[in-house]
Protein backbone atom coordinates (compact mmCIF):
# COMPACT_ATOMS: atom_id res chain seq x y z
CA UNK A 1 -92.72 155.68 -37.00
CA UNK A 2 -95.68 157.54 -38.46
CA UNK A 3 -96.17 161.20 -39.41
CA UNK A 4 -98.83 161.67 -36.72
CA UNK A 5 -96.27 160.88 -34.01
CA UNK A 6 -94.40 164.13 -34.74
CA UNK A 7 -97.17 166.55 -33.92
CA UNK A 8 -97.30 168.70 -30.82
CA UNK A 9 -99.45 171.64 -29.74
CA UNK A 10 -98.06 174.60 -31.57
CA UNK A 11 -98.91 178.30 -31.69
CA UNK A 12 -97.46 180.86 -34.16
CA UNK A 13 -96.27 183.08 -31.28
CA UNK A 14 -93.74 180.38 -30.36
CA UNK A 15 -91.73 181.30 -33.48
CA UNK A 16 -88.90 183.80 -32.99
CA UNK A 17 -89.55 186.78 -35.25
CA UNK A 18 -86.07 188.26 -34.73
CA UNK A 19 -82.64 186.93 -33.73
CA UNK A 20 -81.13 187.55 -30.29
CA UNK A 21 -78.96 190.67 -29.90
CA UNK A 22 -75.80 188.54 -29.92
CA UNK A 23 -75.64 185.28 -31.80
CA UNK A 24 -74.42 183.24 -28.82
CA UNK A 25 -76.95 184.69 -26.35
CA UNK A 26 -79.74 182.36 -27.43
CA UNK A 27 -80.85 179.73 -24.96
CA UNK A 28 -79.45 176.22 -25.13
CA UNK A 29 -81.33 173.14 -24.01
CA UNK A 30 -78.87 170.33 -23.30
CA UNK A 31 -80.11 166.75 -23.60
CA UNK A 32 -77.96 163.89 -22.33
CA UNK A 33 -79.14 160.68 -23.97
CA UNK A 34 -77.36 158.32 -21.58
CA UNK A 35 -78.51 160.06 -18.40
CA UNK A 36 -81.90 161.04 -19.76
CA UNK A 37 -81.39 164.55 -18.35
CA UNK A 38 -82.36 167.99 -19.66
CA UNK A 39 -80.49 171.18 -18.71
CA UNK A 40 -81.10 174.85 -19.49
CA UNK A 41 -78.07 176.92 -20.47
CA UNK A 42 -77.03 179.83 -22.70
CA UNK A 43 -75.49 178.98 -26.08
CA UNK A 44 -72.12 180.50 -25.20
CA UNK A 45 -71.84 177.77 -22.50
CA UNK A 46 -71.64 175.05 -25.15
CA UNK A 47 -67.89 174.59 -24.77
CA UNK A 48 -68.40 173.35 -21.20
CA UNK A 49 -69.46 170.03 -22.72
CA UNK A 50 -66.42 169.45 -24.91
CA UNK A 51 -62.71 168.82 -24.55
CA UNK A 52 -59.59 169.69 -26.47
CA UNK A 53 -59.46 168.01 -29.88
CA UNK A 54 -63.19 167.31 -30.06
CA UNK A 55 -64.34 168.21 -33.59
CA UNK A 56 -67.19 170.54 -34.59
CA UNK A 57 -68.38 170.01 -38.18
CA UNK A 58 -70.00 173.11 -39.73
CA UNK A 59 -71.87 173.73 -42.98
CA UNK A 60 -70.22 176.66 -44.81
CA UNK A 61 -72.93 177.12 -47.45
CA UNK A 62 -73.92 180.71 -48.16
CA UNK A 63 -77.47 181.92 -48.72
CA UNK A 64 -78.01 184.08 -51.80
CA UNK A 65 -80.84 186.64 -52.28
CA UNK A 66 -83.22 184.19 -53.90
CA UNK A 67 -86.58 186.00 -53.77
CA UNK A 68 -87.50 188.46 -56.57
CA UNK A 69 -90.62 190.51 -57.26
CA UNK A 70 -91.69 191.42 -60.77
CA UNK A 71 -94.59 191.84 -63.16
CA UNK A 72 -96.15 189.73 -65.87
CA UNK A 73 -96.20 191.08 -69.42
CA UNK A 74 -99.39 192.75 -70.73
CA UNK A 75 -101.42 192.41 -67.52
CA UNK A 76 -98.76 193.85 -65.22
CA UNK A 77 -99.85 191.36 -62.55
CA UNK A 78 -97.44 191.16 -59.64
CA UNK A 79 -95.33 188.01 -59.60
CA UNK A 80 -93.00 186.61 -56.95
CA UNK A 81 -90.32 184.14 -57.95
CA UNK A 82 -88.01 182.13 -55.77
CA UNK A 83 -84.73 181.08 -57.38
CA UNK A 84 -84.02 177.45 -56.50
CA UNK A 85 -80.94 176.62 -58.53
CA UNK A 86 -79.05 177.53 -61.64
CA UNK A 87 -79.54 174.94 -64.38
CA UNK A 88 -77.35 176.32 -67.15
CA UNK A 89 -74.89 179.19 -66.74
CA UNK A 90 -74.44 180.00 -70.43
CA UNK A 91 -78.16 179.99 -71.26
CA UNK A 92 -79.13 181.78 -68.00
CA UNK A 93 -81.56 178.98 -67.11
CA UNK A 94 -82.94 178.80 -63.55
CA UNK A 95 -85.22 176.44 -61.72
CA UNK A 96 -87.73 178.63 -59.84
CA UNK A 97 -90.94 178.66 -57.86
CA UNK A 98 -93.55 181.16 -59.07
CA UNK A 99 -96.39 182.69 -57.07
CA UNK A 100 -99.17 182.79 -58.14
CA UNK A 101 -98.22 179.77 -60.23
CA UNK A 102 -101.61 179.23 -61.86
CA UNK A 103 -101.33 182.43 -63.91
CA UNK A 104 -98.00 181.63 -65.55
CA UNK A 105 -97.77 179.82 -68.87
CA UNK A 106 -94.94 178.76 -71.16
CA UNK A 107 -93.90 181.74 -73.30
CA UNK A 108 -94.94 184.36 -70.74
CA UNK A 109 -92.39 187.09 -70.12
CA UNK A 110 -91.71 188.43 -66.63
CA UNK A 111 -90.14 191.83 -65.91
CA UNK A 112 -88.05 192.71 -62.86
CA UNK A 113 -86.66 195.98 -61.52
CA UNK A 114 -86.84 199.62 -62.57
CA UNK A 115 -86.73 200.06 -66.35
CA UNK A 116 -87.17 196.29 -66.60
CA UNK A 117 -83.55 195.62 -65.66
CA UNK A 118 -84.14 191.90 -66.07
CA UNK A 119 -86.55 190.06 -68.34
CA UNK A 120 -87.25 186.34 -68.09
CA UNK A 121 -89.17 183.97 -70.31
CA UNK A 122 -91.00 180.90 -69.01
CA UNK A 123 -89.76 177.93 -71.03
CA UNK A 124 -91.04 175.00 -68.94
CA UNK A 125 -93.77 174.60 -66.35
CA UNK A 126 -93.69 170.86 -65.85
CA UNK A 127 -90.80 170.50 -63.40
CA UNK A 128 -91.61 169.04 -60.00
CA UNK A 129 -90.33 172.18 -58.32
CA UNK A 130 -92.16 174.77 -60.38
CA UNK A 131 -90.94 176.51 -63.53
CA UNK A 132 -87.84 176.93 -65.64
CA UNK A 133 -86.99 180.51 -66.62
CA UNK A 134 -84.56 181.79 -69.22
CA UNK A 135 -83.27 185.23 -68.34
CA UNK A 136 -82.79 187.42 -71.41
CA UNK A 137 -79.65 189.41 -70.71
CA UNK A 138 -77.05 190.70 -73.17
CA UNK A 139 -74.21 191.50 -70.75
CA UNK A 140 -71.54 189.25 -69.27
CA UNK A 141 -72.34 186.52 -66.78
CA UNK A 142 -70.85 188.62 -63.98
CA UNK A 143 -73.08 191.56 -64.94
CA UNK A 144 -76.10 189.26 -65.07
CA UNK A 145 -75.44 187.83 -61.60
CA UNK A 146 -74.85 191.33 -60.24
CA UNK A 147 -78.23 192.46 -61.58
CA UNK A 148 -79.97 189.33 -60.36
CA UNK A 149 -78.62 189.67 -56.83
CA UNK A 150 -79.20 193.43 -56.71
CA UNK A 151 -82.90 192.78 -57.32
CA UNK A 152 -83.05 189.76 -55.03
CA UNK A 153 -84.20 189.75 -51.42
CA UNK A 154 -82.94 187.70 -48.47
CA UNK A 155 -85.09 184.52 -48.58
CA UNK A 156 -86.17 184.56 -44.94
CA UNK A 157 -89.02 182.03 -44.61
CA UNK A 158 -92.35 183.83 -44.59
CA UNK A 159 -93.56 181.82 -41.63
CA UNK A 160 -90.87 183.61 -39.60
CA UNK A 161 -91.86 187.08 -40.75
CA UNK A 162 -93.62 188.41 -43.85
CA UNK A 163 -91.39 191.45 -44.24
CA UNK A 164 -87.63 191.17 -44.66
CA UNK A 165 -85.66 193.73 -42.67
CA UNK A 166 -82.09 195.06 -43.08
CA UNK A 167 -80.79 192.88 -40.22
CA UNK A 168 -81.74 189.73 -42.13
CA UNK A 169 -79.03 190.18 -44.78
CA UNK A 170 -76.42 189.52 -42.08
CA UNK A 171 -78.27 187.45 -39.50
CA UNK A 172 -79.92 184.97 -41.86
CA UNK A 173 -76.42 183.67 -42.57
CA UNK A 174 -73.64 182.02 -40.57
CA UNK A 175 -70.51 184.12 -39.97
CA UNK A 176 -68.43 181.47 -41.79
CA UNK A 177 -70.70 181.23 -44.86
CA UNK A 178 -68.45 181.12 -47.94
CA UNK A 179 -69.80 178.69 -50.57
CA UNK A 180 -72.73 180.34 -52.28
CA UNK A 181 -75.69 178.20 -53.27
CA UNK A 182 -78.26 177.87 -50.47
CA UNK A 183 -81.79 179.24 -50.50
CA UNK A 184 -82.21 178.55 -46.77
CA UNK A 185 -79.71 178.99 -43.96
CA UNK A 186 -78.22 176.14 -41.92
CA UNK A 187 -79.72 177.60 -38.76
CA UNK A 188 -77.77 175.70 -36.08
CA UNK A 189 -74.58 177.39 -37.26
CA UNK A 190 -76.10 180.86 -36.87
CA UNK A 191 -75.60 180.72 -33.07
CA UNK A 192 -71.81 180.83 -33.42
CA UNK A 193 -70.21 184.26 -32.96
CA UNK A 194 -66.65 185.33 -33.72
CA UNK A 195 -66.02 185.46 -29.97
CA UNK A 196 -67.27 181.90 -29.49
CA UNK A 197 -65.14 180.60 -32.37
CA UNK A 198 -62.13 182.31 -30.78
CA UNK A 199 -62.90 180.62 -27.46
CA UNK A 200 -63.09 177.28 -29.29
CA UNK A 201 -59.65 177.95 -30.75
CA UNK A 202 -58.20 178.84 -27.32
CA UNK A 203 -59.66 175.68 -25.75
CA UNK A 204 -58.31 173.57 -28.61
CA UNK A 205 -61.68 172.38 -29.91
CA UNK A 206 -61.17 171.58 -33.58
CA UNK A 207 -63.42 172.55 -36.47
CA UNK A 208 -63.92 171.54 -40.08
CA UNK A 209 -66.39 172.46 -42.83
CA UNK A 210 -68.53 170.56 -45.26
CA UNK A 211 -70.94 172.14 -47.75
CA UNK A 212 -74.58 171.28 -48.26
CA UNK A 213 -76.55 173.80 -50.28
CA UNK A 214 -79.81 173.91 -48.36
CA UNK A 215 -82.92 173.86 -50.53
CA UNK A 216 -86.61 174.40 -49.95
CA UNK A 217 -87.07 170.66 -49.63
CA UNK A 218 -86.33 171.16 -45.95
CA UNK A 219 -89.66 172.92 -45.64
CA UNK A 220 -91.68 170.69 -47.94
CA UNK A 221 -94.73 169.33 -46.16
CA UNK A 222 -94.71 165.62 -45.42
CA UNK A 223 -98.12 164.47 -46.63
CA UNK A 224 -97.90 160.70 -46.12
CA UNK A 225 -98.54 158.94 -42.82
CA UNK A 226 -96.04 156.20 -43.75
CA UNK A 227 -92.72 158.05 -43.59
CA UNK A 228 -90.98 155.47 -45.77
CA UNK A 229 -93.03 156.81 -48.68
CA UNK A 230 -91.85 160.43 -48.32
CA UNK A 231 -89.25 161.58 -50.86
CA UNK A 232 -86.80 164.36 -49.97
CA UNK A 233 -85.65 166.85 -52.60
CA UNK A 234 -82.03 166.37 -53.61
CA UNK A 235 -79.45 168.86 -52.33
CA UNK A 236 -75.89 169.33 -53.51
CA UNK A 237 -73.01 168.58 -51.14
CA UNK A 238 -69.22 168.82 -51.14
CA UNK A 239 -66.96 167.01 -48.66
CA UNK A 240 -63.31 167.91 -49.15
CA UNK A 241 -60.37 165.59 -48.52
CA UNK A 242 -59.41 167.84 -45.63
CA UNK A 243 -62.83 167.55 -43.98
CA UNK A 244 -62.99 163.79 -44.48
CA UNK A 245 -59.54 163.37 -42.97
CA UNK A 246 -60.43 165.55 -39.96
CA UNK A 247 -63.59 163.55 -39.21
CA UNK A 248 -61.94 160.17 -39.77
CA UNK A 249 -58.99 161.07 -37.57
CA UNK A 250 -61.29 162.19 -34.77
CA UNK A 251 -63.24 158.93 -35.02
CA UNK A 252 -60.04 156.89 -35.08
CA UNK A 253 -58.70 158.65 -31.98
CA UNK A 254 -61.98 158.37 -30.06
CA UNK A 255 -62.68 162.10 -29.96
CA UNK A 256 -66.21 163.49 -30.17
CA UNK A 257 -67.54 164.52 -33.57
CA UNK A 258 -70.24 167.18 -33.25
CA UNK A 259 -72.69 167.78 -36.09
CA UNK A 260 -73.69 171.44 -36.22
CA UNK A 261 -77.17 171.06 -37.63
CA UNK A 262 -79.32 168.59 -39.51
CA UNK A 263 -77.72 169.49 -42.85
CA UNK A 264 -74.29 168.42 -41.60
CA UNK A 265 -75.76 165.24 -40.14
CA UNK A 266 -77.45 164.34 -43.42
CA UNK A 267 -74.25 164.93 -45.35
CA UNK A 268 -72.09 162.87 -42.99
CA UNK A 269 -74.56 159.99 -43.10
CA UNK A 270 -74.64 160.22 -46.90
CA UNK A 271 -70.88 159.88 -47.36
CA UNK A 272 -70.09 157.36 -44.60
CA UNK A 273 -68.67 154.03 -45.74
CA UNK A 274 -69.56 150.58 -44.44
CA UNK A 275 -66.42 150.77 -42.28
CA UNK A 276 -67.71 153.87 -40.49
CA UNK A 277 -65.32 156.31 -42.17
CA UNK A 278 -66.47 159.15 -44.41
CA UNK A 279 -65.41 159.56 -48.02
CA UNK A 280 -64.50 162.85 -49.68
CA UNK A 281 -66.52 163.75 -52.75
CA UNK A 282 -69.36 165.80 -54.14
CA UNK A 283 -72.80 164.94 -55.37
CA UNK A 284 -76.47 165.12 -54.49
CA UNK A 285 -78.27 163.64 -51.52
CA UNK A 286 -81.96 163.05 -50.85
CA UNK A 287 -81.31 161.09 -47.67
CA UNK A 288 -84.27 161.15 -45.29
CA UNK A 289 -83.41 160.18 -41.72
CA UNK A 290 -86.14 159.09 -39.31
CA UNK A 291 -86.41 156.48 -36.55
CA UNK A 292 -85.36 153.77 -36.34
CA UNK A 293 -81.96 154.79 -37.68
CA UNK A 294 -78.45 153.86 -36.58
CA UNK A 295 -76.16 156.90 -36.75
CA UNK A 296 -72.54 156.16 -37.63
CA UNK A 297 -70.52 159.36 -37.50
CA UNK A 298 -71.61 162.08 -35.05
CA UNK A 299 -71.46 161.68 -31.27
CA UNK A 300 -73.41 164.88 -30.58
CA UNK A 301 -75.43 167.41 -32.50
CA UNK A 302 -76.57 171.03 -32.26
CA UNK A 303 -79.93 171.93 -33.73
CA UNK A 304 -82.74 174.46 -33.46
CA UNK A 305 -86.27 173.78 -32.21
CA UNK A 306 -88.24 172.65 -35.24
CA UNK A 307 -91.86 172.86 -36.29
CA UNK A 308 -94.33 169.98 -35.89
CA UNK A 309 -94.29 167.26 -38.55
CA UNK A 310 -91.01 168.59 -40.04
CA UNK A 311 -88.32 166.32 -41.43
CA UNK A 312 -85.80 168.08 -39.16
CA UNK A 313 -87.78 167.10 -36.06
CA UNK A 314 -87.90 163.52 -37.33
CA UNK A 315 -84.11 163.40 -37.67
CA UNK A 316 -83.56 164.98 -34.25
CA UNK A 317 -85.94 162.47 -32.64
CA UNK A 318 -84.08 159.63 -34.33
CA UNK A 319 -80.78 160.89 -32.92
CA UNK A 320 -81.90 161.92 -29.44
CA UNK A 321 -84.49 159.22 -28.89
CA UNK A 322 -88.15 159.83 -29.67
CA UNK A 323 -89.49 159.88 -26.12
CA UNK A 324 -86.71 162.08 -24.73
CA UNK A 325 -86.86 164.59 -27.60
CA UNK A 326 -90.65 164.92 -27.48
CA UNK A 327 -90.42 165.39 -23.71
CA UNK A 328 -87.79 168.09 -24.29
CA UNK A 329 -90.09 169.87 -26.76
CA UNK A 330 -92.89 169.86 -24.20
CA UNK A 331 -90.53 171.40 -21.63
CA UNK A 332 -89.26 173.92 -24.19
CA UNK A 333 -92.81 175.15 -24.71
CA UNK A 334 -93.40 175.43 -20.95
CA UNK A 335 -90.11 177.27 -20.46
CA UNK A 336 -90.78 179.78 -23.23
CA UNK A 337 -88.05 178.70 -25.64
CA UNK A 338 -88.11 180.38 -29.05
CA UNK A 339 -88.77 178.07 -31.99
CA UNK A 340 -87.74 178.13 -35.64
CA UNK A 341 -85.08 179.80 -37.76
CA UNK A 342 -84.19 182.62 -35.34
CA UNK A 343 -85.03 180.59 -32.27
CA UNK A 344 -83.09 178.88 -29.49
CA UNK A 345 -80.86 175.84 -29.75
CA UNK A 346 -80.64 172.28 -28.51
CA UNK A 347 -77.48 170.27 -27.84
CA UNK A 348 -77.90 166.49 -27.84
CA UNK A 349 -75.05 164.59 -26.20
């Protein structure tokens, strides 16, 4: 498969600028791979397709306020930084993206907040992701993180909406988010409401959680026609013994395992053994899934409607079948489905 095969006619107005009033009121396109059929439902209807003891696997990563605005020393030029990951807790080192990057040099100091609450020094500008900053802060680590997060903004992708609004702090997050470390939300999980989770419990549909801290690599442009030459950024994952046992038991008993999102799918396919069982553990994955690919773990998946040429679309097409998925995207456009982070959902059976 080539990059050019994942394009489709796209217009910015197809992107959902805001979430639906209720999380589970988004539309749900249901694709049945065996029958080759496409149905149109509402997300809260999803349980109609599953039985007692089927297993939903969620990503419980939590997005932190990763975007900060500050000023460069001397010139006072406005600077935007995007926190990617913490490199060293004791030394307050962070891997960041800086915009505009061309104006930042090693040794430059950056100031953030009223009365320069936080000051950072650029100590490296050769990393593949951007820059390394050392925050100069005399207080405790807890006080430092409190200041950092107080100044930070919800990192809603700017292609969704330029301006972050109060609703984003809650809605750009799943309701079960608990393990802090993501700079982008696992969007498929955002459709699940407390009411829907309660209905799952009543029906006896099981659930378990893995963690994959979503990074900006999800949005990195693929710039090679030969997909085998594209390299994904590494993202940190944790699969507990409890989660591994839940998935393996479901597989052993012939129950459906449902991947809630591409991040869950990538994690499951990273930790699966040659015998088809998944192993508990933690580490980093840069797994890039595109057709042809033989999936081992999940029997179904929930996902959003992704942008052209995105790695998420490539994975979804590999799972659902290229022709059927691209047909579904064409129908989604015709039917006025909402695309992107706050958009509608797709269930592939």
